[in-house]
Protein backbone atom coordinates (compact mmCIF):
# COMPACT_ATOMS: atom_id res chain seq x y z
CA MET A 1 -10.47 -29.02 66.44
CA GLY A 2 -13.47 -30.83 66.05
CA THR A 3 -15.46 -33.72 66.95
CA SER A 4 -13.83 -37.29 65.42
CA THR A 5 -17.12 -39.45 63.79
CA GLU A 6 -15.40 -42.88 62.20
CA GLY A 7 -12.03 -41.79 61.58
CA ARG A 8 -13.36 -38.72 60.84
CA VAL A 9 -12.17 -34.47 62.14
CA VAL A 10 -15.37 -32.61 61.70
CA ARG A 11 -13.54 -29.14 61.09
CA PRO A 12 -16.36 -26.75 62.55
CA ARG A 13 -18.72 -24.95 60.37
CA ARG A 14 -17.46 -21.21 59.90
CA SER A 15 -20.49 -18.20 59.92
CA VAL A 16 -20.70 -16.85 57.18
CA SER A 17 -19.35 -13.41 57.91
CA GLN A 18 -15.57 -15.69 58.97
CA ARG A 19 -16.21 -16.07 55.84
CA LEU A 20 -16.90 -12.72 54.21
CA ARG A 21 -13.28 -11.85 56.10
CA THR A 22 -11.32 -14.11 55.47
CA ALA A 23 -12.22 -13.54 52.08
CA GLY A 24 -11.43 -9.48 52.42
CA THR A 25 -8.06 -10.33 53.60
CA ARG A 26 -6.92 -12.78 51.40
CA PHE A 27 -9.01 -10.21 48.76
CA ARG A 28 -6.93 -7.30 50.01
CA SER A 29 -3.43 -9.61 49.94
CA SER A 30 -3.74 -10.24 46.87
CA SER A 31 -4.30 -6.35 45.90
CA VAL A 32 -0.98 -5.73 47.59
CA ARG A 33 0.78 -8.19 45.89
CA ALA A 34 -0.46 -7.20 41.87
CA LEU A 35 0.51 -3.21 43.48
CA LYS A 36 3.46 -4.40 43.80
CA SER A 37 4.49 -6.09 41.11
CA LEU A 38 2.78 -3.55 39.21
CA GLY A 39 5.17 -0.86 40.71
CA ALA A 40 8.72 -3.25 40.30
CA ARG A 41 7.52 -3.39 36.45
CA LEU A 42 6.89 0.52 36.21
CA ARG A 43 10.38 0.70 37.56
CA VAL A 44 12.00 -1.55 35.30
CA PHE A 45 10.06 0.76 32.43
CA TRP A 46 11.10 3.31 33.55
CA ALA A 47 15.04 2.50 34.01
CA ILE A 48 14.85 1.40 30.51
CA LEU A 49 12.92 4.53 28.99
CA ARG A 50 16.15 6.85 30.69
CA ALA A 51 18.77 4.00 29.07
CA ASN A 52 17.00 4.65 25.88
CA PRO A 53 16.59 8.11 25.43
CA LEU A 54 14.55 7.60 21.58
CA THR A 55 12.09 5.43 23.49
CA LEU A 56 11.64 8.27 25.77
CA VAL A 57 10.83 10.60 22.81
CA GLY A 58 8.95 8.12 21.17
CA PHE A 59 6.92 7.33 24.16
CA VAL A 60 6.22 10.26 25.21
CA LEU A 61 5.05 11.52 21.21
CA VAL A 62 3.11 8.71 20.70
CA THR A 63 1.80 9.46 23.94
CA ALA A 64 1.05 12.98 23.37
CA ILE A 65 -0.35 12.44 19.74
CA CYS A 66 -3.09 10.24 20.85
CA VAL A 67 -4.46 12.25 23.60
CA ALA A 68 -4.87 15.04 20.91
CA ALA A 69 -6.87 12.71 19.70
CA LEU A 70 -8.93 11.82 21.69
CA VAL A 71 -9.48 16.14 22.55
CA MET A 72 -9.98 16.06 18.86
CA LEU A 73 -12.59 13.72 19.29
CA VAL A 74 -13.71 14.89 22.33
CA ALA A 75 -13.35 18.52 22.39
CA PRO A 76 -11.96 19.38 19.06
CA SER A 77 -12.43 23.50 19.66
CA TRP A 78 -10.08 23.08 22.51
CA LEU A 79 -6.58 22.26 20.39
CA ALA A 80 -8.66 24.27 17.15
CA PRO A 81 -9.40 27.66 17.79
CA TYR A 82 -11.08 27.41 13.79
CA GLY A 83 -13.17 25.37 12.50
CA PRO A 84 -12.73 22.56 9.09
CA LEU A 85 -14.87 24.82 6.75
CA GLN A 86 -14.74 28.05 8.47
CA LEU A 87 -13.05 30.58 6.82
CA THR A 88 -10.86 33.54 8.25
CA ASN A 89 -10.57 37.04 7.17
CA THR A 90 -7.37 36.55 5.29
CA ARG A 91 -5.60 34.05 2.32
CA TYR A 92 -1.90 32.69 2.09
CA ALA A 93 -1.56 33.92 5.22
CA PRO A 94 2.24 32.75 6.58
CA PRO A 95 2.61 31.41 10.43
CA SER A 96 1.65 33.87 12.90
CA LEU A 97 -0.07 33.34 16.54
CA GLN A 98 -3.27 33.27 15.34
CA HIS A 99 -2.17 30.96 12.03
CA PRO A 100 0.39 29.00 13.82
CA MET A 101 0.72 26.22 9.82
CA GLY A 102 -0.72 29.93 8.42
CA THR A 103 -4.24 29.74 5.81
CA ASP A 104 -4.75 28.44 2.11
CA SER A 105 -6.14 29.82 -1.06
CA ILE A 106 -9.21 30.12 0.35
CA GLY A 107 -8.89 31.27 3.76
CA LEU A 108 -9.14 28.09 6.08
CA ASP A 109 -6.64 27.76 9.16
CA VAL A 110 -3.97 24.80 7.82
CA TYR A 111 -3.56 24.23 11.79
CA SER A 112 -7.07 23.43 12.63
CA ASN A 113 -7.50 21.00 9.36
CA VAL A 114 -4.00 19.07 9.91
CA MET A 115 -5.64 18.62 14.28
CA TYR A 116 -8.91 18.00 12.90
CA ALA A 117 -7.32 15.21 9.99
CA LEU A 118 -5.41 13.56 13.23
CA PRO A 119 -7.80 10.88 14.58
CA LEU A 120 -9.13 9.98 11.07
CA ASP A 121 -5.15 9.28 10.01
CA LEU A 122 -4.22 7.90 13.30
CA GLY A 123 -7.39 5.64 12.94
CA LEU A 124 -7.00 4.40 9.66
CA GLY A 125 -3.30 3.42 10.77
CA ILE A 126 -4.35 1.60 13.89
CA PHE A 127 -7.16 -0.23 12.61
CA ILE A 128 -5.74 -1.24 8.64
CA ALA A 129 -2.02 -2.41 10.96
CA GLY A 130 -4.93 -4.33 13.54
CA VAL A 131 -7.30 -6.03 11.23
CA SER A 132 -4.15 -7.10 9.23
CA MET A 133 -2.53 -8.36 12.23
CA LEU A 134 -5.55 -10.45 13.31
CA LEU A 135 -6.30 -12.44 9.68
CA GLY A 136 -2.59 -12.23 8.99
CA GLY A 137 -1.35 -13.45 12.19
CA GLY A 138 -3.93 -16.28 12.51
CA LEU A 139 -3.21 -17.67 8.87
CA GLY A 140 0.46 -17.46 9.78
CA LEU A 141 0.13 -19.60 12.63
CA VAL A 142 -2.15 -21.93 11.11
CA ALA A 143 0.20 -22.45 8.42
CA GLY A 144 3.44 -22.95 10.96
CA PHE A 145 2.16 -24.65 13.61
CA TRP A 146 0.21 -27.41 11.52
CA ASP A 147 2.36 -28.07 8.61
CA ASP A 148 2.85 -31.64 8.44
CA PRO A 149 3.03 -32.69 4.71
CA GLY A 150 -0.04 -35.04 3.68
CA THR A 151 -2.05 -33.93 6.08
CA PHE A 152 -5.53 -31.20 5.75
CA GLY A 153 -3.21 -28.87 7.62
CA GLY A 154 -0.35 -29.19 5.86
CA VAL A 155 -2.56 -28.54 2.61
CA GLY A 156 -4.37 -25.96 3.84
CA SER A 157 -0.98 -24.01 4.79
CA THR A 158 0.12 -24.82 1.59
CA VAL A 159 -3.29 -23.00 -0.03
CA ILE A 160 -1.92 -20.22 2.74
CA LEU A 161 1.62 -19.69 2.01
CA ARG A 162 1.27 -19.99 -1.56
CA LEU A 163 -1.75 -16.98 -1.78
CA THR A 164 1.33 -15.14 0.46
CA ASP A 165 3.62 -15.05 -2.52
CA ILE A 166 0.94 -13.94 -5.04
CA PHE A 167 0.34 -10.96 -2.79
CA LEU A 168 4.03 -10.70 -1.71
CA SER A 169 4.80 -10.71 -5.54
CA PHE A 170 3.09 -7.35 -6.45
CA PRO A 171 4.83 -3.69 -4.41
CA SER A 172 1.58 -3.03 -2.11
CA LEU A 173 1.53 0.48 -2.80
CA ILE A 174 1.24 -0.23 -6.82
CA LEU A 175 -1.49 -2.54 -6.13
CA ALA A 176 -2.95 -1.04 -3.30
CA LEU A 177 -3.07 2.55 -6.00
CA ALA A 178 -3.96 -0.25 -9.27
CA ILE A 179 -7.31 -1.85 -6.77
CA VAL A 180 -8.55 2.25 -5.92
CA ALA A 181 -8.11 3.27 -9.69
CA PHE A 182 -9.73 0.53 -10.69
CA THR A 183 -12.55 0.33 -8.43
CA GLY A 184 -13.59 4.15 -8.03
CA ALA A 185 -11.77 5.98 -5.64
CA SER A 186 -13.25 6.90 -1.86
CA VAL A 187 -12.45 5.94 1.52
CA TRP A 188 -14.16 2.57 2.08
CA VAL A 189 -12.23 1.44 -0.82
CA ALA A 190 -8.90 2.40 0.14
CA ILE A 191 -9.34 1.08 3.34
CA ILE A 192 -9.93 -2.15 1.68
CA ALA A 193 -7.37 -1.93 -0.42
CA VAL A 194 -4.78 -1.13 1.73
CA LEU A 195 -6.04 -4.18 3.41
CA VAL A 196 -5.85 -7.48 1.06
CA THR A 197 -2.16 -6.25 0.13
CA TRP A 198 -1.38 -6.14 4.45
CA TRP A 199 -2.06 -8.95 5.36
CA PRO A 200 0.78 -11.53 3.85
CA ASN A 201 3.94 -9.84 5.99
CA TYR A 202 1.99 -10.58 9.29
CA VAL A 203 1.66 -14.32 7.60
CA ARG A 204 5.73 -14.42 7.53
CA LEU A 205 6.53 -12.89 10.25
CA VAL A 206 3.88 -15.00 12.71
CA ARG A 207 4.81 -18.44 10.45
CA GLY A 208 8.19 -18.09 10.79
CA GLU A 209 8.34 -17.36 14.67
CA VAL A 210 5.84 -20.17 15.18
CA LEU A 211 8.33 -22.80 13.34
CA ALA A 212 11.22 -21.70 15.39
CA ILE A 213 9.53 -22.04 18.68
CA LYS A 214 7.34 -25.49 17.77
CA HIS A 215 10.53 -27.78 17.61
CA LEU A 216 11.76 -26.58 20.76
CA PRO A 217 12.82 -28.80 23.66
CA TYR A 218 10.24 -27.40 26.05
CA ILE A 219 7.47 -27.91 23.50
CA GLN A 220 8.22 -31.32 22.65
CA ALA A 221 8.01 -32.20 26.24
CA ALA A 222 4.57 -31.03 26.04
CA ARG A 223 3.67 -33.24 23.89
CA ALA A 224 4.71 -35.96 25.23
CA ALA A 225 3.22 -35.53 28.51
CA GLY A 226 -0.10 -35.08 26.14
CA VAL A 227 -0.63 -31.75 26.31
CA THR A 228 -3.15 -31.30 23.61
CA ASN A 229 -1.99 -29.60 20.82
CA GLY A 230 -4.77 -26.16 21.29
CA ARG A 231 -3.10 -25.83 24.53
CA ILE A 232 0.63 -25.72 23.43
CA LEU A 233 -1.02 -23.21 20.88
CA LEU A 234 -2.67 -21.09 23.59
CA ARG A 235 -0.42 -21.26 26.57
CA HIS A 236 3.68 -21.57 25.48
CA ILE A 237 3.29 -20.44 21.04
CA VAL A 238 1.15 -17.91 21.01
CA ARG A 239 2.59 -16.42 24.39
CA ASN A 240 5.83 -16.03 22.74
CA VAL A 241 4.77 -14.88 18.95
CA LEU A 242 3.47 -11.84 20.23
CA GLU A 243 6.59 -10.09 21.13
CA PRO A 244 7.69 -10.10 18.32
CA VAL A 245 4.21 -8.90 16.03
CA ILE A 246 3.90 -5.97 19.05
CA VAL A 247 6.86 -4.47 17.94
CA TYR A 248 5.97 -4.92 13.75
CA PHE A 249 2.32 -4.23 14.75
CA THR A 250 3.51 -0.67 16.91
CA MET A 251 6.40 0.19 13.78
CA ASP A 252 3.77 -0.34 10.80
CA ILE A 253 1.36 1.77 12.45
CA GLY A 254 3.33 4.70 11.01
CA THR A 255 3.64 2.69 7.70
CA VAL A 256 0.30 2.28 6.67
CA LEU A 257 -0.26 6.00 7.91
CA VAL A 258 2.61 6.59 4.68
CA VAL A 259 0.61 4.32 2.05
CA PHE A 260 -2.56 5.84 3.04
CA SER A 261 -1.51 9.34 2.68
CA THR A 262 -0.06 8.08 -0.37
CA ILE A 263 -3.02 7.22 -1.81
CA GLY A 264 -4.81 10.02 -1.22
CA PHE A 265 -2.28 11.76 -2.35
CA VAL A 266 -2.62 10.19 -5.27
CA THR A 267 -5.93 9.83 -6.43
CA GLY A 268 -7.57 11.97 -4.14
CA ALA A 269 -10.05 9.46 -2.16
CA LEU A 270 -11.00 11.78 0.67
CA PRO A 271 -11.91 15.28 -0.47
CA PHE A 272 -10.52 18.57 0.38
CA PRO A 273 -12.21 21.23 1.67
CA VAL A 274 -14.36 18.90 3.62
CA GLN A 275 -17.68 19.65 2.26
CA THR A 276 -19.97 19.40 5.98
CA ALA A 277 -19.25 19.46 8.99
CA SER A 278 -19.62 15.91 9.40
CA GLN A 279 -16.58 14.76 7.02
CA ARG A 280 -12.87 15.48 8.59
CA PRO A 281 -10.11 16.12 6.68
CA GLU A 282 -7.55 13.81 5.66
CA TRP A 283 -3.47 14.30 5.35
CA GLY A 284 -2.79 13.47 2.07
CA SER A 285 -5.64 14.83 0.49
CA MET A 286 -3.97 18.24 2.06
CA LEU A 287 -1.46 17.80 0.70
CA ALA A 288 -2.55 16.78 -3.21
CA HIS A 289 -5.30 20.29 -3.01
CA TYR A 290 -1.74 22.18 -1.74
CA HIS A 291 0.04 20.86 -4.20
CA GLU A 292 -2.57 21.86 -7.01
CA THR A 293 -3.62 25.44 -5.68
CA ALA A 294 -0.44 27.27 -4.56
CA LEU A 295 3.79 26.92 -5.28
CA ILE A 296 5.90 25.44 -2.84
CA THR A 297 7.87 28.68 -3.89
CA SER A 298 5.95 31.49 -2.70
CA ALA A 299 3.80 29.63 0.36
CA PRO A 300 5.85 26.57 1.67
CA TRP A 301 4.19 26.43 4.68
CA LEU A 302 0.92 24.79 3.13
CA VAL A 303 2.73 21.30 2.75
CA LEU A 304 4.64 21.82 5.84
CA GLY A 305 1.65 21.20 8.16
CA PRO A 306 0.08 17.83 6.72
CA GLY A 307 3.45 17.12 5.03
CA GLY A 308 5.16 17.60 9.27
CA ALA A 309 2.15 16.04 11.36
CA ILE A 310 2.74 12.85 8.60
CA PHE A 311 6.41 12.73 9.63
CA VAL A 312 6.31 13.39 13.40
CA THR A 313 3.31 10.49 13.78
CA VAL A 314 5.68 8.06 11.72
CA LEU A 315 8.46 8.76 13.67
CA ALA A 316 6.62 8.72 17.06
CA PHE A 317 5.60 5.71 16.28
CA SER A 318 8.83 3.96 14.78
CA LEU A 319 10.72 5.53 17.68
CA LEU A 320 8.01 3.36 20.10
CA GLY A 321 8.92 0.52 17.68
CA ASP A 322 12.73 0.21 18.55
CA GLY A 323 12.15 0.54 21.70
CA LEU A 324 9.21 -2.17 22.79
CA ARG A 325 12.18 -4.52 21.22
CA ASP A 326 14.38 -3.64 23.60
CA VAL A 327 11.72 -3.81 26.39
CA LEU A 328 10.38 -6.76 25.93
CA ASP A 329 13.51 -8.70 25.34
CA PRO A 330 14.31 -10.44 28.28
CA ARG A 331 17.85 -10.18 27.80
CA SER A 332 18.17 -6.49 26.32
CA ARG A 333 15.42 -5.62 29.46
CA ARG A 334 18.19 -6.49 31.98
CA VAL A 335 20.64 -5.06 30.49
CA MET A 336 19.31 -1.49 30.23
CA ALA A 337 17.50 -1.89 33.13
CA ALA A 338 20.74 -2.07 35.44
CA ALA A 339 22.43 0.84 32.70
CA GLY A 340 19.38 3.48 33.82
CA SER A 341 19.11 2.32 36.96
CA LEU A 342 23.01 3.27 37.49
CA THR A 343 22.81 6.01 35.48
CA SER A 344 20.16 7.02 38.07
CA SER A 345 22.61 6.54 41.43
CA GLY A 346 25.94 7.36 39.41
CA SER A 347 23.35 11.22 39.54
CA LYS A 348 22.28 11.04 42.80
CA ALA A 349 26.02 10.76 43.89
CA LEU A 350 27.35 13.41 41.68
CA GLU A 351 24.44 15.90 43.01
C-alpha cells in the first residue's frame, strides 16, 4: 500500500508507462461504451424507420438528393452528361435515353440543367432556413425567457414581439416580392428578401416553447438551488426547445425552396439560360423561361423537369420532418420502436 507518514498514507508513484497504459484502458472502455450506445441508437432509429414507411422514403430521398448535390459540386460530369451552356443537335426533343427530360428551344439538355441547379436551390433552402432559425430562434429565446414586466428584459421582449407582429401581418411571399421589385431583381436581393420575411416564424415558435418550459417544476427547483439564468437557459431550456425547432427547420427547407423558386419564376432573379460557365441555373427561372418560350401542350417535358425537381425535393424534406417529429418525441419513439421490433420478429417467424 505505502508507508505512513504522520498519519497519512503515501501511495507509490506510478511510472509514465503505467499511466499511459491506464489512460489507454480507460479510453478503450469509454470508446466501447460509446460505440455500444451509438449502435443501440441506430437500431432504434432503424426500427422507427421500418415502422413508418413514409419516413423511410423521406430519409432515402433526402440522402439521395444531398449526395447528388455534393456530386454535382465535385464531379458534375458523373450525373450531368451536358454542361449548362453545351448545346445539342436537337431542339424540342422529347424525353429519351440520351435526353431523359428532353431538350429546349435552343438545344439545351433539360436534365443536365436541372442537375446543375440542384446544389444552388438546395443550398439556398438550407442557408435561408438556417439563418432564419438562428436569428429568429435567438430572439425567441430572449423574448420568452426574459419577459418579466417592468424590467429591461421585459421591454426588449415587447419590442421583439411587436416587430414580429409587424412582419407577420404581411404574407411572406408578397412582402418578399415587393422587396425584390422595389430594389431590383438579383440573387442576393432575393435571398435578403426571403430572410427579412422568414425569421418571425421562428420567434413565435421558440418563444412559445420557452414559455411552456420555463414554468415547469424542475426549472423552479433549479432557480431555488441557485443555478444561474445562463446555465438554466443552456442546460434546460435550449435542450428542450431544439427538438421542435429541428423538426420545423427540416420541413421549412422545402417551404423556403418553393418561395425562392416562386420569386425566381415571377422576377427572374437568376437569368436562364446562364451567361457564363461559373453561373448555375435555378429551377424557378427555368420554369419562367420555358413558360415563355414553349407551349405546355406541345412540349410539356420542359416544365416537368424543374417542376418535378421542386416537387420531389419538397416532398422529401416534408416526409423527413414529419418522421423526425416521431423520432425526437420520446413517447412516440418508444411506441414506434416497439412496433418496428414486433414487425421484424413477426417477419422472421413467418420465414
